[in-house]
Amino acid sequence: MQQFYRYHHEYVQYRKDLETASGIIIGLLDTLLKHRYSDDKWDYDPSGLWNEIKKERDRVLKIDGKQLMDRLNSIKLSDFGRTMQYYTEIRNIIRQLDVCDVKLTEKMIAYFMLNSLPTTNEWTSFAISLSNDRMRVREWEWDRELG
């Protein structure tokens, strides 16, 4: 009988530890997310709770990455008053893509920038001259650092 009480005590302590761990995870969440994960099924399953949060985060980031890529693909210089505004918007989208684990090479960034230039003779000549010069993106002093 003594052994039963010892195992029972260990089991109760184990359940308390699980509940504490789940409580800590839920306590760290944003207020809107706390409600979503406040279901009793997570009280004794911190590992399942954590995996569910990671799975949902990955799903949201994947959707955001696709939306950002669509936005990057549809952006046009003519939508902006100044070239610097256009460049800044593309740079911001690229930083957001970095957060979503979508990494673009410099050649890909150059493609998106050149592809969305106006089709006037001046801009077409500009794009061709850059293409012929092997797309020297570094000469444009692109600021790709996140800091």
N, C-alpha and C. Protein backbone atom coordinates (compact mmCIF):
# COMPACT_ATOMS: atom_id res chain seq x y z
N MET A 1 0.82 -1.19 0.00
CA MET A 1 0.00 0.00 0.00
C MET A 1 0.87 1.26 0.00
N GLN A 2 1.99 1.17 0.70
CA GLN A 2 2.92 2.29 0.77
C GLN A 2 3.40 2.69 -0.62
N GLN A 3 3.70 1.70 -1.43
CA GLN A 3 4.19 1.95 -2.79
C GLN A 3 3.12 2.63 -3.64
N PHE A 4 1.87 2.27 -3.46
CA PHE A 4 0.78 2.90 -4.19
C PHE A 4 0.73 4.40 -3.90
N TYR A 5 0.83 4.76 -2.62
CA TYR A 5 0.79 6.18 -2.24
C TYR A 5 1.98 6.95 -2.82
N ARG A 6 3.13 6.29 -2.85
CA ARG A 6 4.30 6.95 -3.42
C ARG A 6 4.10 7.20 -4.91
N TYR A 7 3.62 6.20 -5.65
CA TYR A 7 3.36 6.37 -7.08
C TYR A 7 2.24 7.39 -7.32
N HIS A 8 1.25 7.32 -6.48
CA HIS A 8 0.14 8.29 -6.61
C HIS A 8 0.65 9.71 -6.39
N HIS A 9 1.49 9.89 -5.37
CA HIS A 9 2.06 11.21 -5.08
C HIS A 9 2.91 11.69 -6.27
N GLU A 10 3.73 10.80 -6.82
CA GLU A 10 4.55 11.16 -7.98
C GLU A 10 3.67 11.51 -9.18
N TYR A 11 2.59 10.78 -9.37
CA TYR A 11 1.67 11.04 -10.48
C TYR A 11 1.00 12.41 -10.31
N VAL A 12 0.56 12.70 -9.11
CA VAL A 12 -0.08 13.99 -8.83
C VAL A 12 0.91 15.12 -9.07
N GLN A 13 2.15 14.94 -8.61
CA GLN A 13 3.18 15.97 -8.83
C GLN A 13 3.46 16.14 -10.32
N TYR A 14 3.52 15.04 -11.06
CA TYR A 14 3.74 15.07 -12.50
C TYR A 14 2.62 15.86 -13.19
N ARG A 15 1.38 15.61 -12.80
CA ARG A 15 0.24 16.32 -13.39
C ARG A 15 0.29 17.81 -13.05
N LYS A 16 0.71 18.15 -11.84
CA LYS A 16 0.85 19.56 -11.46
C LYS A 16 1.92 20.23 -12.31
N ASP A 17 3.03 19.53 -12.54
CA ASP A 17 4.12 20.07 -13.36
C ASP A 17 3.65 20.30 -14.80
N LEU A 18 2.88 19.35 -15.33
CA LEU A 18 2.34 19.52 -16.68
C LEU A 18 1.41 20.73 -16.74
N GLU A 19 0.57 20.87 -15.76
CA GLU A 19 -0.37 21.99 -15.72
C GLU A 19 0.37 23.32 -15.58
N THR A 20 1.42 23.32 -14.78
CA THR A 20 2.24 24.53 -14.62
C THR A 20 2.91 24.90 -15.93
N ALA A 21 3.49 23.91 -16.61
CA ALA A 21 4.15 24.18 -17.88
C ALA A 21 3.17 24.72 -18.92
N SER A 22 1.99 24.12 -19.01
CA SER A 22 0.97 24.63 -19.94
C SER A 22 0.56 26.04 -19.56
N GLY A 23 0.42 26.29 -18.28
CA GLY A 23 0.04 27.63 -17.81
C GLY A 23 1.08 28.68 -18.17
N ILE A 24 2.34 28.30 -18.06
CA ILE A 24 3.42 29.24 -18.41
C ILE A 24 3.37 29.55 -19.90
N ILE A 25 3.21 28.52 -20.72
CA ILE A 25 3.14 28.74 -22.18
C ILE A 25 1.96 29.64 -22.53
N ILE A 26 0.79 29.34 -21.98
CA ILE A 26 -0.40 30.14 -22.27
C ILE A 26 -0.23 31.56 -21.73
N GLY A 27 0.43 31.69 -20.59
CA GLY A 27 0.66 33.02 -20.01
C GLY A 27 1.54 33.91 -20.87
N LEU A 28 2.40 33.31 -21.68
CA LEU A 28 3.29 34.08 -22.54
C LEU A 28 2.63 34.52 -23.85
N LEU A 29 1.46 33.96 -24.14
CA LEU A 29 0.79 34.28 -25.40
C LEU A 29 0.12 35.64 -25.36
N ASP A 30 -0.11 36.18 -26.54
CA ASP A 30 -0.87 37.41 -26.69
C ASP A 30 -2.29 37.19 -26.17
N THR A 31 -2.94 38.24 -25.73
CA THR A 31 -4.28 38.14 -25.14
C THR A 31 -5.26 37.45 -26.07
N LEU A 32 -5.21 37.76 -27.36
CA LEU A 32 -6.14 37.15 -28.30
C LEU A 32 -5.89 35.65 -28.45
N LEU A 33 -4.64 35.24 -28.35
CA LEU A 33 -4.31 33.83 -28.49
C LEU A 33 -4.59 33.05 -27.21
N LYS A 34 -4.54 33.72 -26.06
CA LYS A 34 -4.82 33.03 -24.79
C LYS A 34 -6.20 32.40 -24.83
N HIS A 35 -7.15 33.12 -25.36
CA HIS A 35 -8.51 32.61 -25.42
C HIS A 35 -8.58 31.37 -26.31
N ARG A 36 -7.85 31.41 -27.38
CA ARG A 36 -7.88 30.29 -28.33
C ARG A 36 -7.33 29.00 -27.72
N TYR A 37 -6.30 29.14 -26.89
CA TYR A 37 -5.65 27.97 -26.32
C TYR A 37 -6.01 27.74 -24.85
N SER A 38 -7.07 28.33 -24.37
CA SER A 38 -7.47 28.17 -22.97
C SER A 38 -8.33 26.92 -22.75
N ASP A 39 -8.48 26.11 -23.77
CA ASP A 39 -9.26 24.87 -23.68
C ASP A 39 -8.62 23.91 -22.67
N ASP A 40 -9.44 23.15 -21.97
CA ASP A 40 -8.96 22.21 -20.95
C ASP A 40 -8.05 21.12 -21.51
N LYS A 41 -8.17 20.84 -22.80
CA LYS A 41 -7.38 19.75 -23.36
C LYS A 41 -5.88 20.03 -23.30
N TRP A 42 -5.49 21.30 -23.14
CA TRP A 42 -4.07 21.65 -23.10
C TRP A 42 -3.53 21.71 -21.68
N ASP A 43 -4.40 21.54 -20.67
CA ASP A 43 -3.96 21.67 -19.28
C ASP A 43 -2.83 20.70 -18.92
N TYR A 44 -2.88 19.51 -19.44
CA TYR A 44 -1.89 18.49 -19.08
C TYR A 44 -1.08 18.03 -20.28
N ASP A 45 -1.01 18.86 -21.32
CA ASP A 45 -0.27 18.49 -22.52
C ASP A 45 0.51 19.69 -23.05
N PRO A 46 1.55 20.14 -22.30
CA PRO A 46 2.32 21.31 -22.76
C PRO A 46 3.04 21.05 -24.09
N SER A 47 3.47 19.81 -24.29
CA SER A 47 4.15 19.48 -25.55
C SER A 47 3.19 19.60 -26.73
N GLY A 48 1.99 19.06 -26.57
CA GLY A 48 0.97 19.18 -27.62
C GLY A 48 0.58 20.62 -27.87
N LEU A 49 0.47 21.40 -26.78
CA LEU A 49 0.15 22.83 -26.91
C LEU A 49 1.24 23.55 -27.70
N TRP A 50 2.49 23.30 -27.34
CA TRP A 50 3.61 23.94 -28.02
C TRP A 50 3.64 23.56 -29.50
N ASN A 51 3.45 22.29 -29.79
CA ASN A 51 3.45 21.83 -31.19
C ASN A 51 2.30 22.45 -31.97
N GLU A 52 1.14 22.60 -31.35
CA GLU A 52 -0.01 23.23 -32.01
C GLU A 52 0.27 24.70 -32.31
N ILE A 53 0.89 25.40 -31.37
CA ILE A 53 1.24 26.81 -31.58
C ILE A 53 2.25 26.93 -32.72
N LYS A 54 3.27 26.06 -32.74
CA LYS A 54 4.26 26.09 -33.82
C LYS A 54 3.63 25.79 -35.17
N LYS A 55 2.73 24.80 -35.21
CA LYS A 55 2.07 24.44 -36.46
C LYS A 55 1.23 25.61 -36.98
N GLU A 56 0.52 26.29 -36.10
CA GLU A 56 -0.30 27.43 -36.50
C GLU A 56 0.59 28.59 -36.96
N ARG A 57 1.70 28.82 -36.27
CA ARG A 57 2.64 29.88 -36.68
C ARG A 57 3.18 29.60 -38.07
N ASP A 58 3.60 28.37 -38.32
CA ASP A 58 4.12 28.01 -39.64
C ASP A 58 3.07 28.20 -40.73
N ARG A 59 1.82 27.85 -40.42
CA ARG A 59 0.74 28.01 -41.39
C ARG A 59 0.53 29.49 -41.71
N VAL A 60 0.52 30.32 -40.69
CA VAL A 60 0.31 31.76 -40.90
C VAL A 60 1.48 32.37 -41.66
N LEU A 61 2.70 31.99 -41.31
CA LEU A 61 3.86 32.54 -42.02
C LEU A 61 3.87 32.12 -43.47
N LYS A 62 3.44 30.89 -43.75
CA LYS A 62 3.39 30.43 -45.14
C LYS A 62 2.41 31.27 -45.94
N ILE A 63 1.25 31.56 -45.34
CA ILE A 63 0.24 32.38 -46.01
C ILE A 63 0.79 33.79 -46.20
N ASP A 64 1.38 34.35 -45.16
CA ASP A 64 1.94 35.70 -45.26
C ASP A 64 3.03 35.77 -46.32
N GLY A 65 3.87 34.73 -46.39
CA GLY A 65 4.93 34.69 -47.39
C GLY A 65 4.38 34.70 -48.79
N LYS A 66 3.31 33.95 -49.01
CA LYS A 66 2.69 33.93 -50.34
C LYS A 66 2.08 35.29 -50.67
N GLN A 67 1.43 35.90 -49.70
CA GLN A 67 0.84 37.22 -49.94
C GLN A 67 1.92 38.26 -50.20
N LEU A 68 3.01 38.18 -49.46
CA LEU A 68 4.10 39.12 -49.68
C LEU A 68 4.74 38.92 -51.05
N MET A 69 4.90 37.68 -51.48
CA MET A 69 5.45 37.42 -52.82
C MET A 69 4.51 37.97 -53.90
N ASP A 70 3.20 37.80 -53.71
CA ASP A 70 2.24 38.38 -54.66
C ASP A 70 2.37 39.89 -54.68
N ARG A 71 2.51 40.48 -53.50
CA ARG A 71 2.66 41.94 -53.42
C ARG A 71 3.95 42.39 -54.10
N LEU A 72 5.02 41.65 -53.88
CA LEU A 72 6.30 41.99 -54.51
C LEU A 72 6.21 41.87 -56.02
N ASN A 73 5.50 40.88 -56.49
CA ASN A 73 5.36 40.64 -57.92
C ASN A 73 4.47 41.69 -58.59
N SER A 74 3.53 42.26 -57.84
CA SER A 74 2.59 43.20 -58.45
C SER A 74 2.98 44.67 -58.27
N ILE A 75 4.02 44.93 -57.52
CA ILE A 75 4.41 46.32 -57.25
C ILE A 75 5.00 46.94 -58.53
N LYS A 76 4.66 48.18 -58.77
CA LYS A 76 5.13 48.90 -59.96
C LYS A 76 5.69 50.26 -59.54
N LEU A 77 6.74 50.67 -60.20
CA LEU A 77 7.34 51.97 -59.94
C LEU A 77 6.33 53.09 -60.16
N SER A 78 5.46 52.92 -61.14
CA SER A 78 4.49 53.97 -61.46
C SER A 78 3.47 54.20 -60.34
N ASP A 79 3.38 53.27 -59.38
CA ASP A 79 2.47 53.43 -58.25
C ASP A 79 3.03 54.38 -57.19
N PHE A 80 4.28 54.79 -57.34
CA PHE A 80 4.94 55.62 -56.35
C PHE A 80 5.33 56.95 -56.97
N GLY A 81 5.33 57.97 -56.15
CA GLY A 81 5.69 59.30 -56.63
C GLY A 81 7.18 59.44 -56.89
N ARG A 82 7.96 58.74 -56.12
CA ARG A 82 9.41 58.86 -56.25
C ARG A 82 10.05 57.47 -56.29
N THR A 83 11.20 57.40 -56.90
CA THR A 83 11.91 56.13 -57.00
C THR A 83 12.33 55.62 -55.63
N MET A 84 12.70 56.52 -54.74
CA MET A 84 13.13 56.12 -53.40
C MET A 84 11.98 55.46 -52.63
N GLN A 85 10.76 55.94 -52.81
CA GLN A 85 9.60 55.32 -52.16
C GLN A 85 9.40 53.90 -52.68
N TYR A 86 9.58 53.72 -53.96
CA TYR A 86 9.47 52.41 -54.61
C TYR A 86 10.53 51.46 -54.04
N TYR A 87 11.75 51.94 -53.99
CA TYR A 87 12.86 51.14 -53.46
C TYR A 87 12.62 50.78 -51.99
N THR A 88 12.17 51.74 -51.20
CA THR A 88 11.90 51.50 -49.78
C THR A 88 10.80 50.47 -49.59
N GLU A 89 9.76 50.54 -50.38
CA GLU A 89 8.67 49.56 -50.28
C GLU A 89 9.15 48.16 -50.62
N ILE A 90 9.94 48.03 -51.66
CA ILE A 90 10.49 46.71 -52.02
C ILE A 90 11.39 46.20 -50.91
N ARG A 91 12.22 47.05 -50.37
CA ARG A 91 13.12 46.67 -49.27
C ARG A 91 12.31 46.21 -48.05
N ASN A 92 11.21 46.90 -47.74
CA ASN A 92 10.37 46.51 -46.61
C ASN A 92 9.72 45.15 -46.84
N ILE A 93 9.25 44.91 -48.05
CA ILE A 93 8.64 43.61 -48.38
C ILE A 93 9.68 42.50 -48.25
N ILE A 94 10.90 42.75 -48.70
CA ILE A 94 11.96 41.75 -48.62
C ILE A 94 12.31 41.45 -47.17
N ARG A 95 12.33 42.45 -46.32
CA ARG A 95 12.58 42.22 -44.89
C ARG A 95 11.46 41.39 -44.27
N GLN A 96 10.23 41.68 -44.66
CA GLN A 96 9.10 40.90 -44.14
C GLN A 96 9.18 39.45 -44.64
N LEU A 97 9.60 39.28 -45.88
CA LEU A 97 9.78 37.92 -46.40
C LEU A 97 10.86 37.18 -45.62
N ASP A 98 11.93 37.88 -45.24
CA ASP A 98 12.98 37.27 -44.43
C ASP A 98 12.41 36.71 -43.13
N VAL A 99 11.52 37.46 -42.51
CA VAL A 99 10.88 37.02 -41.28
C VAL A 99 10.05 35.75 -41.52
N CYS A 100 9.46 35.66 -42.70
CA CYS A 100 8.65 34.48 -43.07
C CYS A 100 9.51 33.34 -43.60
N ASP A 101 10.82 33.44 -43.46
CA ASP A 101 11.75 32.42 -43.94
C ASP A 101 11.71 32.24 -45.45
N VAL A 102 11.41 33.30 -46.16
CA VAL A 102 11.48 33.28 -47.63
C VAL A 102 12.69 34.14 -47.98
N LYS A 103 13.76 33.48 -48.36
CA LYS A 103 15.02 34.18 -48.67
C LYS A 103 15.13 34.40 -50.17
N LEU A 104 15.37 35.63 -50.57
CA LEU A 104 15.54 35.96 -51.98
C LEU A 104 17.01 36.27 -52.25
N THR A 105 17.52 35.77 -53.36
CA THR A 105 18.89 36.10 -53.75
C THR A 105 18.91 37.51 -54.32
N GLU A 106 20.08 38.05 -54.45
CA GLU A 106 20.20 39.40 -55.01
C GLU A 106 19.72 39.43 -56.46
N LYS A 107 19.94 38.36 -57.20
CA LYS A 107 19.47 38.31 -58.58
C LYS A 107 17.95 38.31 -58.63
N MET A 108 17.32 37.62 -57.70
CA MET A 108 15.86 37.62 -57.67
C MET A 108 15.32 39.01 -57.32
N ILE A 109 15.97 39.67 -56.37
CA ILE A 109 15.54 41.02 -56.00
C ILE A 109 15.71 41.96 -57.19
N ALA A 110 16.83 41.84 -57.88
CA ALA A 110 17.06 42.67 -59.07
C ALA A 110 16.00 42.39 -60.12
N TYR A 111 15.64 41.13 -60.30
CA TYR A 111 14.59 40.78 -61.27
C TYR A 111 13.29 41.49 -60.91
N PHE A 112 12.87 41.40 -59.66
CA PHE A 112 11.61 42.04 -59.26
C PHE A 112 11.67 43.55 -59.44
N MET A 113 12.82 44.14 -59.14
CA MET A 113 12.94 45.60 -59.30
C MET A 113 12.91 46.00 -60.77
N LEU A 114 13.61 45.27 -61.61
CA LEU A 114 13.67 45.63 -63.02
C LEU A 114 12.38 45.26 -63.75
N ASN A 115 11.74 44.22 -63.32
CA ASN A 115 10.51 43.77 -63.97
C ASN A 115 9.36 44.74 -63.77
N SER A 116 9.41 45.52 -62.71
CA SER A 116 8.30 46.41 -62.43
C SER A 116 8.58 47.87 -62.82
N LEU A 117 9.62 48.07 -63.60
CA LEU A 117 9.89 49.41 -64.11
C LEU A 117 8.92 49.75 -65.24
N PRO A 118 8.68 51.04 -65.46
CA PRO A 118 7.82 51.42 -66.59
C PRO A 118 8.41 50.94 -67.91
N THR A 119 7.59 50.88 -68.94
CA THR A 119 8.04 50.35 -70.24
C THR A 119 8.44 51.46 -71.21
N THR A 120 8.70 52.63 -70.69
CA THR A 120 9.14 53.71 -71.57
C THR A 120 10.54 53.41 -72.08
N ASN A 121 10.94 54.11 -73.15
CA ASN A 121 12.26 53.87 -73.75
C ASN A 121 13.40 54.10 -72.76
N GLU A 122 13.26 55.15 -71.95
CA GLU A 122 14.34 55.46 -71.00
C GLU A 122 14.52 54.33 -70.00
N TRP A 123 13.43 53.86 -69.42
CA TRP A 123 13.52 52.80 -68.42
C TRP A 123 13.93 51.47 -69.05
N THR A 124 13.48 51.20 -70.25
CA THR A 124 13.86 49.98 -70.93
C THR A 124 15.37 49.98 -71.19
N SER A 125 15.90 51.10 -71.65
CA SER A 125 17.35 51.22 -71.88
C SER A 125 18.11 51.04 -70.57
N PHE A 126 17.59 51.63 -69.51
CA PHE A 126 18.21 51.49 -68.19
C PHE A 126 18.26 50.02 -67.77
N ALA A 127 17.15 49.32 -67.90
CA ALA A 127 17.07 47.90 -67.50
C ALA A 127 18.01 47.05 -68.35
N ILE A 128 18.08 47.33 -69.64
CA ILE A 128 18.96 46.56 -70.53
C ILE A 128 20.42 46.81 -70.17
N SER A 129 20.76 48.06 -69.89
CA SER A 129 22.15 48.35 -69.55
C SER A 129 22.54 47.66 -68.24
N LEU A 130 21.62 47.57 -67.31
CA LEU A 130 21.93 46.84 -66.07
C LEU A 130 22.06 45.35 -66.33
N SER A 131 21.20 44.82 -67.16
CA SER A 131 21.26 43.39 -67.48
C SER A 131 22.57 43.06 -68.17
N ASN A 132 23.00 43.90 -69.06
CA ASN A 132 24.25 43.67 -69.77
C ASN A 132 25.45 43.81 -68.85
N ASP A 133 25.28 44.52 -67.80
CA ASP A 133 26.38 44.73 -66.85
C ASP A 133 26.35 43.69 -65.74
N ARG A 134 25.71 42.53 -66.02
CA ARG A 134 25.64 41.39 -65.10
C ARG A 134 24.95 41.72 -63.79
N MET A 135 24.01 42.64 -63.84
CA MET A 135 23.15 42.94 -62.70
C MET A 135 23.97 43.25 -61.44
N ARG A 136 24.81 44.20 -61.51
CA ARG A 136 25.67 44.53 -60.37
C ARG A 136 24.85 45.20 -59.28
N VAL A 137 24.21 44.39 -58.54
CA VAL A 137 23.31 44.86 -57.49
C VAL A 137 24.08 45.56 -56.38
N ARG A 138 25.27 45.10 -56.10
CA ARG A 138 26.05 45.71 -55.03
C ARG A 138 26.36 47.18 -55.32
N GLU A 139 26.49 47.55 -56.59
CA GLU A 139 26.78 48.94 -56.94
C GLU A 139 25.60 49.85 -56.63
N TRP A 140 24.45 49.27 -56.52
CA TRP A 140 23.27 50.07 -56.15
C TRP A 140 23.23 50.30 -54.64
N GLU A 141 24.21 49.68 -53.93
CA GLU A 141 24.30 49.77 -52.48
C GLU A 141 22.99 49.41 -51.80
N TRP A 142 22.59 48.19 -52.07
CA TRP A 142 21.33 47.70 -51.50
C TRP A 142 21.53 47.38 -50.03
N ASP A 143 20.61 47.84 -49.27
CA ASP A 143 20.67 47.66 -47.82
C ASP A 143 19.82 46.43 -47.45
N ARG A 144 20.47 45.25 -47.40
CA ARG A 144 19.73 44.03 -47.09
C ARG A 144 19.91 43.59 -45.62
N GLU A 145 20.60 44.38 -44.86
CA GLU A 145 20.81 43.98 -43.47
C GLU A 145 19.54 44.27 -42.67
N LEU A 146 19.23 43.40 -41.77
CA LEU A 146 18.00 43.55 -40.98
C LEU A 146 18.19 44.50 -39.82
N GLY A 147 19.40 44.84 -39.51
CA GLY A 147 19.68 45.66 -38.31
C GLY A 147 19.54 47.07 -38.57
